[in-house]
């Protein structure tokens, strides 16, 4: 199965409203309790680090003539 997503170029806007962390963007709105927001931030950071590593590896593969893949599954 190949998953295609429309990635946003702009970061989400983040506010605190009524004791919850609220993130909004062009196609998303998320409200989290503080502990869930902390866990989500840690997971986002780890995923971003992995994506950067994969992008670098993909650039090397393309230079070597290999095909990079975005397949999630």
Protein backbone atom coordinates (compact mmCIF):
# COMPACT_ATOMS: atom_id res chain seq x y z
CA UNK A 1 0.00 0.00 0.00
CA UNK A 2 1.37 3.40 -0.93
CA UNK A 3 0.27 6.40 1.10
CA UNK A 4 0.37 9.86 -0.45
CA UNK A 5 -0.05 12.90 1.73
CA UNK A 6 -0.08 16.59 0.97
CA UNK A 7 2.68 17.91 3.19
CA UNK A 8 2.34 21.42 4.52
CA UNK A 9 5.18 23.85 3.97
CA UNK A 10 4.24 26.07 6.92
CA UNK A 11 4.39 25.04 10.58
CA UNK A 12 1.17 24.83 12.57
CA UNK A 13 0.09 27.82 14.64
CA UNK A 14 0.24 26.96 18.36
CA UNK A 15 -1.79 28.66 21.11
CA UNK A 16 -2.88 27.90 24.66
CA UNK A 17 -6.63 28.22 25.19
CA UNK A 18 -8.47 27.20 28.36
CA UNK A 19 -5.47 25.20 29.58
CA UNK A 20 -5.13 23.18 26.37
CA UNK A 21 -2.51 23.36 23.64
CA UNK A 22 -4.27 24.14 20.36
CA UNK A 23 -2.54 23.65 17.01
CA UNK A 24 -4.17 24.92 13.83
CA UNK A 25 -3.24 24.92 10.18
CA UNK A 26 -4.90 25.15 6.77
CA UNK A 27 -6.41 21.65 7.03
CA UNK A 28 -6.11 20.71 10.70
CA UNK A 29 -7.12 21.76 14.19
CA UNK A 30 -5.94 19.79 17.24
CA UNK A 31 -6.48 20.45 20.95
CA UNK A 32 -4.39 18.51 23.48
CA UNK A 33 -4.08 18.44 27.25
CA UNK A 34 -0.61 19.57 28.35
CA UNK A 35 0.79 16.07 28.99
CA UNK A 36 -0.47 14.83 25.61
CA UNK A 37 1.03 17.90 23.96
CA UNK A 38 4.42 17.15 25.55
CA UNK A 39 4.35 13.52 24.35
CA UNK A 40 3.24 14.62 20.88
CA UNK A 41 6.07 17.16 20.67
CA UNK A 42 8.61 14.46 21.56
CA UNK A 43 7.19 12.13 18.92
CA UNK A 44 7.16 14.90 16.30
CA UNK A 45 10.80 15.68 17.01
CA UNK A 46 11.79 12.03 16.69
CA UNK A 47 9.81 11.67 13.45
CA UNK A 48 11.33 14.86 12.04
CA UNK A 49 14.84 13.61 12.83
CA UNK A 50 14.06 10.30 11.09
CA UNK A 51 12.60 12.10 8.05
CA UNK A 52 15.75 14.23 7.77
CA UNK A 53 17.92 11.11 7.91
CA UNK A 54 15.78 9.38 5.27
CA UNK A 55 15.86 12.45 3.01
CA UNK A 56 19.66 12.54 3.24
CA UNK A 57 19.89 8.81 2.51
CA UNK A 58 17.49 9.25 -0.42
CA UNK A 59 19.65 12.01 -1.86
CA UNK A 60 22.65 9.70 -1.69
CA UNK A 61 20.68 6.86 -3.31
CA UNK A 62 19.59 9.12 -6.17
CA UNK A 63 23.18 10.20 -6.77
CA UNK A 64 24.13 6.52 -6.94
CA UNK A 65 21.35 5.82 -9.46
CA UNK A 66 19.00 4.11 -6.99
CA UNK A 67 15.35 5.01 -6.67
CA UNK A 68 14.20 6.59 -3.39
CA UNK A 69 10.80 5.50 -2.12
CA UNK A 70 8.09 7.19 -0.08
CA UNK A 71 6.25 3.92 0.62
CA UNK A 72 4.92 3.86 4.14
CA UNK A 73 3.97 0.17 4.15
